[in-house]
């Protein structure tokens, strides 16, 4: 009797995925945005460049925010 309960529980949880294909696509896009932000921070130019101190951190924060949206989207 206990075996039947376990098999039905595993079938219910095994067939239903937490994320959809769209969630994974959005998550990959957010990872790419964060990577672009870190690439913008690289370089040997002046450390106080506007690109390094303002634009790149904003791009990274936007990427993290977009990743949170990708996880929470239903």
PDB file of N, CA and C in Angstrom:
ATOM      1  N   UNK A   1       0.823  -1.188   0.000  1.00  0.00           N
ATOM      2  CA  UNK A   1       0.000   0.000   0.000  1.00  0.00           C
ATOM      3  C   UNK A   1       0.868   1.252   0.000  1.00  0.00           C
ATOM      4  N   UNK A   2       1.956   1.236   0.749  1.00  0.00           N
ATOM      5  CA  UNK A   2       2.837   2.393   0.797  1.00  0.00           C
ATOM      6  C   UNK A   2       3.542   2.588  -0.541  1.00  0.00           C
ATOM      7  N   UNK A   3       3.773   1.507  -1.284  1.00  0.00           N
ATOM      8  CA  UNK A   3       4.450   1.621  -2.569  1.00  0.00           C
ATOM      9  C   UNK A   3       3.584   2.367  -3.584  1.00  0.00           C
ATOM     10  N   UNK A   4       2.279   2.172  -3.554  1.00  0.00           N
ATOM     11  CA  UNK A   4       1.395   2.862  -4.492  1.00  0.00           C
ATOM     12  C   UNK A   4       1.404   4.363  -4.244  1.00  0.00           C
ATOM     13  N   UNK A   5       1.440   4.773  -2.993  1.00  0.00           N
ATOM     14  CA  UNK A   5       1.464   6.194  -2.678  1.00  0.00           C
ATOM     15  C   UNK A   5       2.754   6.841  -3.166  1.00  0.00           C
ATOM     16  N   UNK A   6       3.868   6.135  -3.038  1.00  0.00           N
ATOM     17  CA  UNK A   6       5.147   6.683  -3.479  1.00  0.00           C
ATOM     18  C   UNK A   6       5.209   6.804  -4.994  1.00  0.00           C
ATOM     19  N   UNK A   7       4.674   5.812  -5.705  1.00  0.00           N
ATOM     20  CA  UNK A   7       4.749   5.868  -7.166  1.00  0.00           C
ATOM     21  C   UNK A   7       3.854   6.976  -7.720  1.00  0.00           C
ATOM     22  N   UNK A   8       2.696   7.182  -7.114  1.00  0.00           N
ATOM     23  CA  UNK A   8       1.832   8.261  -7.599  1.00  0.00           C
ATOM     24  C   UNK A   8       2.438   9.624  -7.280  1.00  0.00           C
ATOM     25  N   UNK A   9       3.116   9.731  -6.140  1.00  0.00           N
ATOM     26  CA  UNK A   9       3.753  10.995  -5.779  1.00  0.00           C
ATOM     27  C   UNK A   9       4.913  11.300  -6.723  1.00  0.00           C
ATOM     28  N   UNK A  10       5.672  10.275  -7.088  1.00  0.00           N
ATOM     29  CA  UNK A  10       6.795  10.515  -7.993  1.00  0.00           C
ATOM     30  C   UNK A  10       6.313  10.814  -9.404  1.00  0.00           C
ATOM     31  N   UNK A  11       5.218  10.238  -9.823  1.00  0.00           N
ATOM     32  CA  UNK A  11       4.685  10.525 -11.155  1.00  0.00           C
ATOM     33  C   UNK A  11       4.192  11.965 -11.240  1.00  0.00           C
ATOM     34  N   UNK A  12       3.558  12.443 -10.190  1.00  0.00           N
ATOM     35  CA  UNK A  12       3.039  13.808 -10.201  1.00  0.00           C
ATOM     36  C   UNK A  12       4.173  14.829 -10.219  1.00  0.00           C
ATOM     37  N   UNK A  13       5.202  14.605  -9.428  1.00  0.00           N
ATOM     38  CA  UNK A  13       6.300  15.564  -9.386  1.00  0.00           C
ATOM     39  C   UNK A  13       7.230  15.407 -10.576  1.00  0.00           C
ATOM     40  N   UNK A  14       7.349  14.226 -11.136  1.00  0.00           N
ATOM     41  CA  UNK A  14       8.249  13.992 -12.255  1.00  0.00           C
ATOM     42  C   UNK A  14       7.733  14.562 -13.558  1.00  0.00           C
ATOM     43  N   UNK A  15       6.431  14.630 -13.756  1.00  0.00           N
ATOM     44  CA  UNK A  15       5.890  15.090 -15.028  1.00  0.00           C
ATOM     45  C   UNK A  15       5.733  16.605 -15.082  1.00  0.00           C
ATOM     46  N   UNK A  16       5.753  17.271 -13.965  1.00  0.00           N
ATOM     47  CA  UNK A  16       5.549  18.717 -13.942  1.00  0.00           C
ATOM     48  C   UNK A  16       6.876  19.421 -13.682  1.00  0.00           C
ATOM     49  N   UNK A  17       7.312  20.235 -14.656  1.00  0.00           N
ATOM     50  CA  UNK A  17       8.554  20.978 -14.498  1.00  0.00           C
ATOM     51  C   UNK A  17       8.277  22.330 -13.854  1.00  0.00           C
ATOM     52  N   UNK A  18       9.249  22.824 -13.148  1.00  0.00           N
ATOM     53  CA  UNK A  18       9.102  24.108 -12.465  1.00  0.00           C
ATOM     54  C   UNK A  18       9.139  25.254 -13.465  1.00  0.00           C
ATOM     55  N   UNK A  19      10.104  25.204 -14.380  1.00  0.00           N
ATOM     56  CA  UNK A  19      10.253  26.266 -15.362  1.00  0.00           C
ATOM     57  C   UNK A  19       9.828  25.787 -16.736  1.00  0.00           C
ATOM     58  N   UNK A  20       9.366  26.719 -17.550  1.00  0.00           N
ATOM     59  CA  UNK A  20       9.016  26.405 -18.928  1.00  0.00           C
ATOM     60  C   UNK A  20      10.197  26.739 -19.829  1.00  0.00           C
ATOM     61  N   UNK A  21      10.038  26.457 -21.108  1.00  0.00           N
ATOM     62  CA  UNK A  21      11.088  26.763 -22.071  1.00  0.00           C
ATOM     63  C   UNK A  21      11.330  28.269 -22.134  1.00  0.00           C
ATOM     64  N   UNK A  22      10.267  29.046 -22.017  1.00  0.00           N
ATOM     65  CA  UNK A  22      10.381  30.506 -22.055  1.00  0.00           C
ATOM     66  C   UNK A  22      11.209  31.015 -20.870  1.00  0.00           C
ATOM     67  N   UNK A  23      11.026  30.426 -19.681  1.00  0.00           N
ATOM     68  CA  UNK A  23      11.806  30.821 -18.509  1.00  0.00           C
ATOM     69  C   UNK A  23      13.299  30.592 -18.737  1.00  0.00           C
ATOM     70  N   UNK A  24      13.632  29.444 -19.319  1.00  0.00           N
ATOM     71  CA  UNK A  24      15.039  29.158 -19.568  1.00  0.00           C
ATOM     72  C   UNK A  24      15.619  30.107 -20.613  1.00  0.00           C
ATOM     73  N   UNK A  25      14.846  30.454 -21.630  1.00  0.00           N
ATOM     74  CA  UNK A  25      15.324  31.396 -22.636  1.00  0.00           C
ATOM     75  C   UNK A  25      15.577  32.764 -22.011  1.00  0.00           C
ATOM     76  N   UNK A  26      14.647  33.225 -21.184  1.00  0.00           N
ATOM     77  CA  UNK A  26      14.830  34.520 -20.522  1.00  0.00           C
ATOM     78  C   UNK A  26      16.019  34.494 -19.570  1.00  0.00           C
ATOM     79  N   UNK A  27      16.224  33.371 -18.906  1.00  0.00           N
ATOM     80  CA  UNK A  27      17.353  33.244 -17.992  1.00  0.00           C
ATOM     81  C   UNK A  27      18.683  33.280 -18.749  1.00  0.00           C
ATOM     82  N   UNK A  28      18.740  32.644 -19.905  1.00  0.00           N
ATOM     83  CA  UNK A  28      19.955  32.701 -20.715  1.00  0.00           C
ATOM     84  C   UNK A  28      20.216  34.109 -21.227  1.00  0.00           C
ATOM     85  N   UNK A  29      19.160  34.824 -21.587  1.00  0.00           N
ATOM     86  CA  UNK A  29      19.309  36.213 -22.021  1.00  0.00           C
ATOM     87  C   UNK A  29      19.852  37.063 -20.878  1.00  0.00           C
ATOM     88  N   UNK A  30      19.351  36.843 -19.674  1.00  0.00           N
ATOM     89  CA  UNK A  30      19.830  37.624 -18.536  1.00  0.00           C
ATOM     90  C   UNK A  30      21.297  37.322 -18.229  1.00  0.00           C
ATOM     91  N   UNK A  31      21.713  36.068 -18.383  1.00  0.00           N
ATOM     92  CA  UNK A  31      23.120  35.724 -18.181  1.00  0.00           C
ATOM     93  C   UNK A  31      23.985  36.431 -19.222  1.00  0.00           C
ATOM     94  N   UNK A  32      23.499  36.499 -20.455  1.00  0.00           N
ATOM     95  CA  UNK A  32      24.241  37.192 -21.516  1.00  0.00           C
ATOM     96  C   UNK A  32      24.354  38.688 -21.216  1.00  0.00           C
ATOM     97  N   UNK A  33      23.300  39.282 -20.685  1.00  0.00           N
ATOM     98  CA  UNK A  33      23.333  40.710 -20.352  1.00  0.00           C
ATOM     99  C   UNK A  33      24.355  40.973 -19.247  1.00  0.00           C
ATOM    100  N   UNK A  34      24.385  40.112 -18.235  1.00  0.00           N
ATOM    101  CA  UNK A  34      25.365  40.264 -17.159  1.00  0.00           C
ATOM    102  C   UNK A  34      26.782  40.105 -17.707  1.00  0.00           C
ATOM    103  N   UNK A  35      26.969  39.150 -18.605  1.00  0.00           N
ATOM    104  CA  UNK A  35      28.297  38.951 -19.194  1.00  0.00           C
ATOM    105  C   UNK A  35      28.734  40.178 -19.993  1.00  0.00           C
ATOM    106  N   UNK A  36      27.809  40.775 -20.733  1.00  0.00           N
ATOM    107  CA  UNK A  36      28.129  41.990 -21.484  1.00  0.00           C
ATOM    108  C   UNK A  36      28.509  43.112 -20.528  1.00  0.00           C
ATOM    109  N   UNK A  37      27.835  43.208 -19.408  1.00  0.00           N
ATOM    110  CA  UNK A  37      28.162  44.226 -18.420  1.00  0.00           C
ATOM    111  C   UNK A  37      29.561  44.059 -17.862  1.00  0.00           C
ATOM    112  N   UNK A  38      29.958  42.814 -17.586  1.00  0.00           N
ATOM    113  CA  UNK A  38      31.304  42.573 -17.087  1.00  0.00           C
ATOM    114  C   UNK A  38      32.355  42.816 -18.167  1.00  0.00           C
ATOM    115  N   UNK A  39      32.017  42.511 -19.407  1.00  0.00           N
ATOM    116  CA  UNK A  39      32.944  42.785 -20.505  1.00  0.00           C
ATOM    117  C   UNK A  39      33.136  44.288 -20.657  1.00  0.00           C
ATOM    118  N   UNK A  40      32.072  45.057 -20.456  1.00  0.00           N
ATOM    119  CA  UNK A  40      32.204  46.517 -20.524  1.00  0.00           C
ATOM    120  C   UNK A  40      33.110  47.056 -19.418  1.00  0.00           C
ATOM    121  N   UNK A  41      33.203  46.368 -18.303  1.00  0.00           N
ATOM    122  CA  UNK A  41      34.060  46.813 -17.206  1.00  0.00           C
ATOM    123  C   UNK A  41      35.541  46.534 -17.457  1.00  0.00           C
ATOM    124  N   UNK A  42      35.831  45.625 -18.362  1.00  0.00           N
ATOM    125  CA  UNK A  42      37.229  45.271 -18.629  1.00  0.00           C
ATOM    126  C   UNK A  42      37.912  46.362 -19.453  1.00  0.00           C
ATOM    127  N   UNK A  43      39.206  46.288 -19.508  1.00  0.00           N
ATOM    128  CA  UNK A  43      39.968  47.201 -20.337  1.00  0.00           C
ATOM    129  C   UNK A  43      41.104  47.831 -19.585  1.00  0.00           C
ATOM    130  N   UNK A  44      41.975  48.475 -20.326  1.00  0.00           N
ATOM    131  CA  UNK A  44      43.143  49.106 -19.730  1.00  0.00           C
ATOM    132  C   UNK A  44      43.042  50.625 -19.775  1.00  0.00           C
ATOM    133  N   UNK A  45      41.896  51.140 -20.102  1.00  0.00           N
ATOM    134  CA  UNK A  45      41.737  52.594 -20.159  1.00  0.00           C
ATOM    135  C   UNK A  45      41.628  53.160 -18.751  1.00  0.00           C
ATOM    136  N   UNK A  46      41.334  54.425 -18.681  1.00  0.00           N
ATOM    137  CA  UNK A  46      41.240  55.130 -17.398  1.00  0.00           C
ATOM    138  C   UNK A  46      40.228  54.450 -16.482  1.00  0.00           C
ATOM    139  N   UNK A  47      40.576  54.339 -15.205  1.00  0.00           N
ATOM    140  CA  UNK A  47      39.695  53.659 -14.250  1.00  0.00           C
ATOM    141  C   UNK A  47      38.422  54.464 -13.985  1.00  0.00           C
ATOM    142  N   UNK A  48      38.476  55.764 -14.185  1.00  0.00           N
ATOM    143  CA  UNK A  48      37.320  56.615 -13.922  1.00  0.00           C
ATOM    144  C   UNK A  48      36.529  56.911 -15.189  1.00  0.00           C
ATOM    145  N   UNK A  49      36.621  56.038 -16.157  1.00  0.00           N
ATOM    146  CA  UNK A  49      35.874  56.189 -17.398  1.00  0.00           C
ATOM    147  C   UNK A  49      34.379  56.002 -17.121  1.00  0.00           C
ATOM    148  N   UNK A  50      33.546  56.766 -17.814  1.00  0.00           N
ATOM    149  CA  UNK A  50      32.091  56.689 -17.611  1.00  0.00           C
ATOM    150  C   UNK A  50      31.557  55.302 -17.929  1.00  0.00           C
ATOM    151  N   UNK A  51      32.149  54.669 -18.919  1.00  0.00           N
ATOM    152  CA  UNK A  51      31.691  53.332 -19.296  1.00  0.00           C
ATOM    153  C   UNK A  51      31.908  52.348 -18.151  1.00  0.00           C
ATOM    154  N   UNK A  52      33.036  52.454 -17.450  1.00  0.00           N
ATOM    155  CA  UNK A  52      33.361  51.511 -16.373  1.00  0.00           C
ATOM    156  C   UNK A  52      32.642  51.827 -15.071  1.00  0.00           C
ATOM    157  N   UNK A  53      32.400  53.095 -14.801  1.00  0.00           N
ATOM    158  CA  UNK A  53      31.847  53.456 -13.499  1.00  0.00           C
ATOM    159  C   UNK A  53      30.337  53.619 -13.506  1.00  0.00           C
ATOM    160  N   UNK A  54      29.733  53.841 -14.663  1.00  0.00           N
ATOM    161  CA  UNK A  54      28.294  54.104 -14.689  1.00  0.00           C
ATOM    162  C   UNK A  54      27.534  53.114 -15.573  1.00  0.00           C
ATOM    163  N   UNK A  55      27.950  53.003 -16.815  1.00  0.00           N
ATOM    164  CA  UNK A  55      27.176  52.204 -17.774  1.00  0.00           C
ATOM    165  C   UNK A  55      27.266  50.708 -17.471  1.00  0.00           C
ATOM    166  N   UNK A  56      28.475  50.201 -17.267  1.00  0.00           N
ATOM    167  CA  UNK A  56      28.645  48.763 -17.045  1.00  0.00           C
ATOM    168  C   UNK A  56      27.936  48.269 -15.772  1.00  0.00           C
ATOM    169  N   UNK A  57      28.060  48.971 -14.635  1.00  0.00           N
ATOM    170  CA  UNK A  57      27.310  48.494 -13.465  1.00  0.00           C
ATOM    171  C   UNK A  57      25.793  48.535 -13.656  1.00  0.00           C
ATOM    172  N   UNK A  58      25.298  49.521 -14.386  1.00  0.00           N
ATOM    173  CA  UNK A  58      23.858  49.570 -14.656  1.00  0.00           C
ATOM    174  C   UNK A  58      23.421  48.402 -15.548  1.00  0.00           C
ATOM    175  N   UNK A  59      24.260  48.040 -16.510  1.00  0.00           N
ATOM    176  CA  UNK A  59      23.943  46.899 -17.368  1.00  0.00           C
ATOM    177  C   UNK A  59      23.921  45.613 -16.549  1.00  0.00           C
ATOM    178  N   UNK A  60      24.874  45.462 -15.636  1.00  0.00           N
ATOM    179  CA  UNK A  60      24.918  44.268 -14.783  1.00  0.00           C
ATOM    180  C   UNK A  60      23.688  44.215 -13.875  1.00  0.00           C
ATOM    181  N   UNK A  61      23.344  45.324 -13.272  1.00  0.00           N
ATOM    182  CA  UNK A  61      22.148  45.348 -12.411  1.00  0.00           C
ATOM    183  C   UNK A  61      20.883  45.055 -13.208  1.00  0.00           C
ATOM    184  N   UNK A  62      20.796  45.593 -14.416  1.00  0.00           N
ATOM    185  CA  UNK A  62      19.645  45.286 -15.269  1.00  0.00           C
ATOM    186  C   UNK A  62      19.598  43.798 -15.590  1.00  0.00           C
ATOM    187  N   UNK A  63      20.758  43.192 -15.834  1.00  0.00           N
ATOM    188  CA  UNK A  63      20.808  41.755 -16.119  1.00  0.00           C
ATOM    189  C   UNK A  63      20.348  40.921 -14.936  1.00  0.00           C
ATOM    190  N   UNK A  64      20.768  41.311 -13.728  1.00  0.00           N
ATOM    191  CA  UNK A  64      20.311  40.588 -12.538  1.00  0.00           C
ATOM    192  C   UNK A  64      18.806  40.776 -12.318  1.00  0.00           C
ATOM    193  N   UNK A  65      18.322  41.980 -12.543  1.00  0.00           N
ATOM    194  CA  UNK A  65      16.883  42.222 -12.425  1.00  0.00           C
ATOM    195  C   UNK A  65      16.088  41.426 -13.442  1.00  0.00           C
ATOM    196  N   UNK A  66      16.610  41.356 -14.649  1.00  0.00           N
ATOM    197  CA  UNK A  66      15.946  40.577 -15.690  1.00  0.00           C
ATOM    198  C   UNK A  66      15.966  39.090 -15.344  1.00  0.00           C
ATOM    199  N   UNK A  67      17.037  38.631 -14.680  1.00  0.00           N
ATOM    200  CA  UNK A  67      17.104  37.232 -14.239  1.00  0.00           C
ATOM    201  C   UNK A  67      16.070  36.933 -13.172  1.00  0.00           C
ATOM    202  N   UNK A  68      15.854  37.855 -12.278  1.00  0.00           N
ATOM    203  CA  UNK A  68      14.807  37.670 -11.260  1.00  0.00           C
ATOM    204  C   UNK A  68      13.436  37.612 -11.922  1.00  0.00           C
ATOM    205  N   UNK A  69      13.224  38.480 -12.911  1.00  0.00           N
ATOM    206  CA  UNK A  69      11.967  38.434 -13.662  1.00  0.00           C
ATOM    207  C   UNK A  69      11.802  37.088 -14.365  1.00  0.00           C
ATOM    208  N   UNK A  70      12.887  36.560 -14.932  1.00  0.00           N
ATOM    209  CA  UNK A  70      12.827  35.283 -15.653  1.00  0.00           C
ATOM    210  C   UNK A  70      12.463  34.141 -14.707  1.00  0.00           C
ATOM    211  N   UNK A  71      12.946  34.196 -13.495  1.00  0.00           N
ATOM    212  CA  UNK A  71      12.640  33.133 -12.535  1.00  0.00           C
ATOM    213  C   UNK A  71      11.199  33.243 -12.038  1.00  0.00           C
ATOM    214  N   UNK A  72      10.725  34.461 -11.816  1.00  0.00           N
ATOM    215  CA  UNK A  72       9.396  34.647 -11.248  1.00  0.00           C
ATOM    216  C   UNK A  72       8.269  34.620 -12.277  1.00  0.00           C
ATOM    217  N   UNK A  73       8.601  34.712 -13.556  1.00  0.00           N
ATOM    218  CA  UNK A  73       7.554  34.719 -14.587  1.00  0.00           C
ATOM    219  C   UNK A  73       6.844  33.367 -14.609  1.00  0.00           C
ATOM    220  N   UNK A  74       5.550  33.423 -14.662  1.00  0.00           N
ATOM    221  CA  UNK A  74       4.764  32.181 -14.640  1.00  0.00           C
ATOM    222  C   UNK A  74       4.306  31.812 -16.010  1.00  0.00           C
TER     223      UNK A  74
END
